Amino acid sequence: MKSYPSISRLFREFEAYVFDKLDGSNLRFEWHRKRGWCKYGTRHRLFDESDPVFGMAITQFHNEFATGLSDIFKSERYESAVAFCEFWGPNSFAGNHDSSDVKNLTLFDVSSHRTGLLGPREFLKLYGHMNIPKFLGKANWTRGFVERVYNGEVDGVTFEGVVGKAKESKHDLIMAKAKSRIWIDKVRSVHGAAAELIINS
């Protein structure tokens, strides 16, 4: 089952489609034309309905996304695809979830067997009517822009930061992320020595 790629920490200037970065867990849902929705996973492992944290996300996904995504996948003539969603609640933080929260699923990427991860323009065209992260517009991804995100000066950022994406060719998908100072400070206050691994993940 295809995993979501790590976003490089190497800095690169580019014209970015900028999306709000939600603070939750990255879940993946695999679809095949003949078998339908058949596998479910976190970033690193598979799970099913019995999972105490993520099991509920399977029913939620089928209620909110499965039919609409299947229809698009069929119209785009995909043989297989993986939908990537953020699983989060009001008190989710740095991968931990409050069991009493009502959880949300937000679709943030799709990978097909033909194209790999979609570029942001195509993603917005095909899936922008669904529950996706807030699109904050296009921006020049410069060190100055990253600094503005860090200082909380970019409108529409909920808490953690932003993700910037661009696809310059079929095989050249650019992704970058910038995080806010208030989120980083909270990670350091809560997680101590382990904070830098979380901040840089």
C-alpha atoms as a PDB file:
ATOM      1  CA  MET A   1       0.000   0.000   0.000  1.00  0.00           C
ATOM      2  CA  LYS A   2       1.472   3.317  -1.081  1.00  0.00           C
ATOM      3  CA  SER A   3       2.716   5.479   1.800  1.00  0.00           C
ATOM      4  CA  TYR A   4       2.730   9.253   1.794  1.00  0.00           C
ATOM      5  CA  PRO A   5       6.213  10.581   0.938  1.00  0.00           C
ATOM      6  CA  SER A   6       8.250  12.554   3.405  1.00  0.00           C
ATOM      7  CA  ILE A   7       8.436  16.260   2.615  1.00  0.00           C
ATOM      8  CA  SER A   8      12.023  17.326   2.060  1.00  0.00           C
ATOM      9  CA  ARG A   9      13.544  19.791   4.528  1.00  0.00           C
ATOM     10  CA  LEU A  10      15.796  21.240   1.810  1.00  0.00           C
ATOM     11  CA  PHE A  11      14.709  24.794   1.054  1.00  0.00           C
ATOM     12  CA  ARG A  12      13.629  25.645  -2.481  1.00  0.00           C
ATOM     13  CA  GLU A  13      11.952  28.756  -3.828  1.00  0.00           C
ATOM     14  CA  PHE A  14       8.910  28.139  -6.038  1.00  0.00           C
ATOM     15  CA  GLU A  15       5.417  29.413  -6.776  1.00  0.00           C
ATOM     16  CA  ALA A  16       3.288  27.461  -4.324  1.00  0.00           C
ATOM     17  CA  TYR A  17      -0.315  26.555  -3.919  1.00  0.00           C
ATOM     18  CA  VAL A  18      -0.608  27.026  -0.157  1.00  0.00           C
ATOM     19  CA  PHE A  19      -2.876  24.945   2.086  1.00  0.00           C
ATOM     20  CA  ASP A  20      -3.553  25.091   5.807  1.00  0.00           C
ATOM     21  CA  LYS A  21      -1.741  22.245   7.620  1.00  0.00           C
ATOM     22  CA  LEU A  22      -4.044  20.379   9.985  1.00  0.00           C
ATOM     23  CA  ASP A  23      -2.619  18.837  13.154  1.00  0.00           C
ATOM     24  CA  GLY A  24      -3.685  15.195  13.194  1.00  0.00           C
ATOM     25  CA  SER A  25      -2.728  11.752  11.878  1.00  0.00           C
ATOM     26  CA  ASN A  26      -2.111  10.874   8.246  1.00  0.00           C
ATOM     27  CA  LEU A  27      -4.434   8.017   7.182  1.00  0.00           C
ATOM     28  CA  ARG A  28      -4.588   6.272   3.802  1.00  0.00           C
ATOM     29  CA  PHE A  29      -7.430   4.475   2.049  1.00  0.00           C
ATOM     30  CA  GLU A  30      -6.756   2.230  -0.945  1.00  0.00           C
ATOM     31  CA  TRP A  31      -9.193   1.681  -3.829  1.00  0.00           C
ATOM     32  CA  HIS A  32      -9.129  -0.762  -6.754  1.00  0.00           C
ATOM     33  CA  ARG A  33     -11.513  -0.728  -9.682  1.00  0.00           C
ATOM     34  CA  LYS A  34     -12.433  -4.407  -9.190  1.00  0.00           C
ATOM     35  CA  ARG A  35     -12.257  -4.634  -5.389  1.00  0.00           C
ATOM     36  CA  GLY A  36     -13.377  -1.183  -4.313  1.00  0.00           C
ATOM     37  CA  TRP A  37     -12.045   0.121  -0.973  1.00  0.00           C
ATOM     38  CA  CYS A  38      -9.910  -2.683   0.385  1.00  0.00           C
ATOM     39  CA  LYS A  39      -7.046  -1.437   2.627  1.00  0.00           C
ATOM     40  CA  TYR A  40      -6.738   1.151   5.370  1.00  0.00           C
ATOM     41  CA  GLY A  41      -3.581   2.391   7.029  1.00  0.00           C
ATOM     42  CA  THR A  42      -1.800   5.001   9.045  1.00  0.00           C
ATOM     43  CA  ARG A  43       1.399   6.337   7.546  1.00  0.00           C
ATOM     44  CA  HIS A  44       3.318   3.266   8.762  1.00  0.00           C
ATOM     45  CA  ARG A  45       0.884   0.377   9.344  1.00  0.00           C
ATOM     46  CA  LEU A  46      -2.437  -1.114   8.286  1.00  0.00           C
ATOM     47  CA  PHE A  47      -5.478  -1.102  10.558  1.00  0.00           C
ATOM     48  CA  ASP A  48      -9.096  -2.295  10.586  1.00  0.00           C
ATOM     49  CA  GLU A  49     -12.334  -1.435  12.401  1.00  0.00           C
ATOM     50  CA  SER A  50     -11.051  -2.960  15.644  1.00  0.00           C
ATOM     51  CA  ASP A  51      -8.259  -0.382  16.017  1.00  0.00           C
ATOM     52  CA  PRO A  52      -8.981   1.564  19.244  1.00  0.00           C
ATOM     53  CA  VAL A  53      -7.869   4.930  17.829  1.00  0.00           C
ATOM     54  CA  PHE A  54      -8.375   4.807  14.068  1.00  0.00           C
ATOM     55  CA  GLY A  55     -11.009   2.104  13.560  1.00  0.00           C
ATOM     56  CA  MET A  56     -13.802   4.674  13.599  1.00  0.00           C
ATOM     57  CA  ALA A  57     -12.201   6.439  10.620  1.00  0.00           C
ATOM     58  CA  ILE A  58     -13.155   3.579   8.266  1.00  0.00           C
ATOM     59  CA  THR A  59     -16.897   4.051   8.763  1.00  0.00           C
ATOM     60  CA  GLN A  60     -16.470   7.823   8.672  1.00  0.00           C
ATOM     61  CA  PHE A  61     -14.534   7.606   5.409  1.00  0.00           C
ATOM     62  CA  HIS A  62     -17.202   5.430   3.793  1.00  0.00           C
ATOM     63  CA  ASN A  63     -19.916   7.825   4.930  1.00  0.00           C
ATOM     64  CA  GLU A  64     -18.169  10.985   3.777  1.00  0.00           C
ATOM     65  CA  PHE A  65     -15.830  10.178   0.890  1.00  0.00           C
ATOM     66  CA  ALA A  66     -15.994   6.651  -0.509  1.00  0.00           C
ATOM     67  CA  THR A  67     -18.792   7.021  -3.061  1.00  0.00           C
ATOM     68  CA  GLY A  68     -17.757  10.456  -4.312  1.00  0.00           C
ATOM     69  CA  LEU A  69     -14.126   9.452  -4.697  1.00  0.00           C
ATOM     70  CA  SER A  70     -15.018   6.160  -6.415  1.00  0.00           C
ATOM     71  CA  ASP A  71     -17.106   8.031  -8.969  1.00  0.00           C
ATOM     72  CA  ILE A  72     -14.218  10.382  -9.756  1.00  0.00           C
ATOM     73  CA  PHE A  73     -11.682   7.553  -9.904  1.00  0.00           C
ATOM     74  CA  LYS A  74     -13.873   5.690 -12.401  1.00  0.00           C
ATOM     75  CA  SER A  75     -14.434   8.780 -14.542  1.00  0.00           C
ATOM     76  CA  GLU A  76     -10.660   9.404 -14.558  1.00  0.00           C
ATOM     77  CA  ARG A  77     -10.144   5.738 -15.537  1.00  0.00           C
ATOM     78  CA  TYR A  78      -7.941   4.872 -12.599  1.00  0.00           C
ATOM     79  CA  GLU A  79      -7.237   1.205 -12.011  1.00  0.00           C
ATOM     80  CA  SER A  80      -6.193   1.917  -8.423  1.00  0.00           C
ATOM     81  CA  ALA A  81      -5.706   4.921  -6.175  1.00  0.00           C
ATOM     82  CA  VAL A  82      -4.937   5.919  -2.607  1.00  0.00           C
ATOM     83  CA  ALA A  83      -6.752   8.729  -0.817  1.00  0.00           C
ATOM     84  CA  PHE A  84      -4.822  10.464   1.965  1.00  0.00           C
ATOM     85  CA  CYS A  85      -6.818  12.058   4.789  1.00  0.00           C
ATOM     86  CA  GLU A  86      -5.963  13.903   7.976  1.00  0.00           C
ATOM     87  CA  PHE A  87      -7.708  12.436  11.043  1.00  0.00           C
ATOM     88  CA  TRP A  88      -8.070  15.130  13.686  1.00  0.00           C
ATOM     89  CA  GLY A  89     -10.179  16.557  16.465  1.00  0.00           C
ATOM     90  CA  PRO A  90     -10.343  19.880  18.309  1.00  0.00           C
ATOM     91  CA  ASN A  91      -7.785  18.689  20.864  1.00  0.00           C
ATOM     92  CA  SER A  92      -5.545  16.617  18.582  1.00  0.00           C
ATOM     93  CA  PHE A  93      -1.922  17.645  18.947  1.00  0.00           C
ATOM     94  CA  ALA A  94       1.328  16.306  17.496  1.00  0.00           C
ATOM     95  CA  GLY A  95      -0.151  12.907  16.649  1.00  0.00           C
ATOM     96  CA  ASN A  96      -2.061  12.417  19.901  1.00  0.00           C
ATOM     97  CA  HIS A  97      -5.849  12.421  20.035  1.00  0.00           C
ATOM     98  CA  ASP A  98      -8.396  13.059  22.790  1.00  0.00           C
ATOM     99  CA  SER A  99     -10.714  10.037  22.927  1.00  0.00           C
ATOM    100  CA  SER A 100     -13.672  12.277  23.844  1.00  0.00           C
ATOM    101  CA  ASP A 101     -13.314  14.480  20.746  1.00  0.00           C
ATOM    102  CA  VAL A 102     -15.581  14.266  17.726  1.00  0.00           C
ATOM    103  CA  LYS A 103     -13.082  13.453  14.977  1.00  0.00           C
ATOM    104  CA  ASN A 104     -12.864  14.883  11.469  1.00  0.00           C
ATOM    105  CA  LEU A 105     -11.488  13.472   8.237  1.00  0.00           C
ATOM    106  CA  THR A 106     -10.063  15.911   5.701  1.00  0.00           C
ATOM    107  CA  LEU A 107      -8.881  14.789   2.261  1.00  0.00           C
ATOM    108  CA  PHE A 108      -5.494  16.332   1.470  1.00  0.00           C
ATOM    109  CA  ASP A 109      -4.042  14.281  -1.398  1.00  0.00           C
ATOM    110  CA  VAL A 110      -4.774  11.553  -3.934  1.00  0.00           C
ATOM    111  CA  SER A 111      -2.328   9.253  -5.683  1.00  0.00           C
ATOM    112  CA  SER A 112      -3.337   7.237  -8.736  1.00  0.00           C
ATOM    113  CA  HIS A 113      -1.572   4.358 -10.444  1.00  0.00           C
ATOM    114  CA  ARG A 114      -1.122   6.541 -13.554  1.00  0.00           C
ATOM    115  CA  THR A 115       0.061   9.863 -12.212  1.00  0.00           C
ATOM    116  CA  GLY A 116       1.283   9.344  -8.660  1.00  0.00           C
ATOM    117  CA  LEU A 117       0.396  12.235  -6.356  1.00  0.00           C
ATOM    118  CA  LEU A 118      -1.681  14.835  -8.127  1.00  0.00           C
ATOM    119  CA  GLY A 119      -0.448  18.363  -8.550  1.00  0.00           C
ATOM    120  CA  PRO A 120      -2.346  20.951  -6.512  1.00  0.00           C
ATOM    121  CA  ARG A 121      -4.106  22.492  -9.501  1.00  0.00           C
ATOM    122  CA  GLU A 122      -5.583  19.133 -10.562  1.00  0.00           C
ATOM    123  CA  PHE A 123      -6.353  18.215  -6.958  1.00  0.00           C
ATOM    124  CA  LEU A 124      -8.392  21.394  -6.523  1.00  0.00           C
ATOM    125  CA  LYS A 125     -10.144  20.847  -9.856  1.00  0.00           C
ATOM    126  CA  LEU A 126     -11.187  17.273  -9.070  1.00  0.00           C
ATOM    127  CA  TYR A 127     -11.641  17.338  -5.297  1.00  0.00           C
ATOM    128  CA  GLY A 128     -11.986  20.980  -4.286  1.00  0.00           C
ATOM    129  CA  HIS A 129     -15.724  20.530  -3.662  1.00  0.00           C
ATOM    130  CA  MET A 130     -14.980  17.975  -0.946  1.00  0.00           C
ATOM    131  CA  ASN A 131     -13.779  18.494   2.616  1.00  0.00           C
ATOM    132  CA  ILE A 132     -10.148  19.445   1.957  1.00  0.00           C
ATOM    133  CA  PRO A 133      -7.715  21.706   3.850  1.00  0.00           C
ATOM    134  CA  LYS A 134      -8.385  25.389   3.378  1.00  0.00           C
ATOM    135  CA  PHE A 135      -6.691  26.654   0.220  1.00  0.00           C
ATOM    136  CA  LEU A 136      -4.949  29.893   1.164  1.00  0.00           C
ATOM    137  CA  GLY A 137      -4.033  30.962  -2.359  1.00  0.00           C
ATOM    138  CA  LYS A 138      -0.793  31.059  -4.313  1.00  0.00           C
ATOM    139  CA  ALA A 139       2.383  32.556  -2.901  1.00  0.00           C
ATOM    140  CA  ASN A 140       6.068  32.805  -3.683  1.00  0.00           C
ATOM    141  CA  TRP A 141       7.645  30.275  -1.336  1.00  0.00           C
ATOM    142  CA  THR A 142      10.595  32.296  -0.069  1.00  0.00           C
ATOM    143  CA  ARG A 143      12.395  32.438   3.255  1.00  0.00           C
ATOM    144  CA  GLY A 144      10.446  35.588   3.915  1.00  0.00           C
ATOM    145  CA  PHE A 145       7.134  33.765   3.402  1.00  0.00           C
ATOM    146  CA  VAL A 146       8.235  30.939   5.722  1.00  0.00           C
ATOM    147  CA  GLU A 147       9.122  33.569   8.334  1.00  0.00           C
ATOM    148  CA  ARG A 148       5.658  35.113   8.007  1.00  0.00           C
ATOM    149  CA  VAL A 149       4.079  31.705   8.665  1.00  0.00           C
ATOM    150  CA  TYR A 150       6.350  31.256  11.692  1.00  0.00           C
ATOM    151  CA  ASN A 151       5.292  34.631  13.067  1.00  0.00           C
ATOM    152  CA  GLY A 152       1.570  33.993  12.524  1.00  0.00           C
ATOM    153  CA  GLU A 153       1.253  36.638   9.820  1.00  0.00           C
ATOM    154  CA  VAL A 154      -0.474  34.505   7.152  1.00  0.00           C
ATOM    155  CA  ASP A 155      -4.267  34.616   7.271  1.00  0.00           C
ATOM    156  CA  GLY A 156      -6.209  31.350   7.425  1.00  0.00           C
ATOM    157  CA  VAL A 157      -3.655  29.219   9.283  1.00  0.00           C
ATOM    158  CA  THR A 158      -5.417  27.308  12.051  1.00  0.00           C
ATOM    159  CA  PHE A 159      -2.431  26.387  14.230  1.00  0.00           C
ATOM    160  CA  GLU A 160       0.370  24.161  12.960  1.00  0.00           C
ATOM    161  CA  GLY A 161       1.364  25.949   9.768  1.00  0.00           C
ATOM    162  CA  VAL A 162       1.039  25.472   6.018  1.00  0.00           C
ATOM    163  CA  VAL A 163       1.980  23.138   3.188  1.00  0.00           C
ATOM    164  CA  GLY A 164       3.066  24.478  -0.200  1.00  0.00           C
ATOM    165  CA  LYS A 165       2.784  22.411  -3.380  1.00  0.00           C
ATOM    166  CA  ALA A 166       3.531  22.737  -7.070  1.00  0.00           C
ATOM    167  CA  LYS A 167       3.849  20.286  -9.948  1.00  0.00           C
ATOM    168  CA  GLU A 168       6.207  21.466 -12.656  1.00  0.00           C
ATOM    169  CA  SER A 169       6.078  18.245 -14.668  1.00  0.00           C
ATOM    170  CA  LYS A 170       4.582  14.765 -14.442  1.00  0.00           C
ATOM    171  CA  HIS A 171       7.430  13.575 -12.231  1.00  0.00           C
ATOM    172  CA  ASP A 172       8.386  16.802 -10.438  1.00  0.00           C
ATOM    173  CA  LEU A 173       6.030  17.397  -7.540  1.00  0.00           C
ATOM    174  CA  ILE A 174       7.385  20.021  -5.143  1.00  0.00           C
ATOM    175  CA  MET A 175       6.201  20.018  -1.544  1.00  0.00           C
ATOM    176  CA  ALA A 176       7.329  22.120   1.391  1.00  0.00           C
ATOM    177  CA  LYS A 177       5.984  22.926   4.833  1.00  0.00           C
ATOM    178  CA  ALA A 178       6.317  25.834   7.215  1.00  0.00           C
ATOM    179  CA  LYS A 179       5.260  25.722  10.857  1.00  0.00           C
ATOM    180  CA  SER A 180       4.128  28.391  13.259  1.00  0.00           C
ATOM    181  CA  ARG A 181       6.073  29.532  16.292  1.00  0.00           C
ATOM    182  CA  ILE A 182       3.105  28.948  18.649  1.00  0.00           C
ATOM    183  CA  TRP A 183       2.845  25.307  17.499  1.00  0.00           C
ATOM    184  CA  ILE A 184       6.599  24.745  17.796  1.00  0.00           C
ATOM    185  CA  ASP A 185       6.668  26.315  21.260  1.00  0.00           C
ATOM    186  CA  LYS A 186       3.830  24.059  22.425  1.00  0.00           C
ATOM    187  CA  VAL A 187       5.590  20.951  21.102  1.00  0.00           C
ATOM    188  CA  ARG A 188       8.739  21.904  22.994  1.00  0.00           C
ATOM    189  CA  SER A 189       6.831  22.576  26.214  1.00  0.00           C
ATOM    190  CA  VAL A 190       4.923  19.274  26.047  1.00  0.00           C
ATOM    191  CA  HIS A 191       7.494  16.867  24.599  1.00  0.00           C
ATOM    192  CA  GLY A 192      10.829  18.116  25.924  1.00  0.00           C
ATOM    193  CA  ALA A 193      13.760  16.144  24.545  1.00  0.00           C
ATOM    194  CA  ALA A 194      11.617  14.460  21.877  1.00  0.00           C
ATOM    195  CA  ALA A 195      10.317  17.763  20.516  1.00  0.00           C
ATOM    196  CA  GLU A 196      12.771  18.250  17.655  1.00  0.00           C
ATOM    197  CA  LEU A 197      11.892  14.882  16.103  1.00  0.00           C
ATOM    198  CA  ILE A 198       8.222  15.881  16.103  1.00  0.00           C
ATOM    199  CA  ILE A 199       8.874  19.388  14.807  1.00  0.00           C
ATOM    200  CA  ASN A 200      10.970  18.056  11.924  1.00  0.00           C
ATOM    201  CA  SER A 201       8.692  15.136  11.053  1.00  0.00           C
END
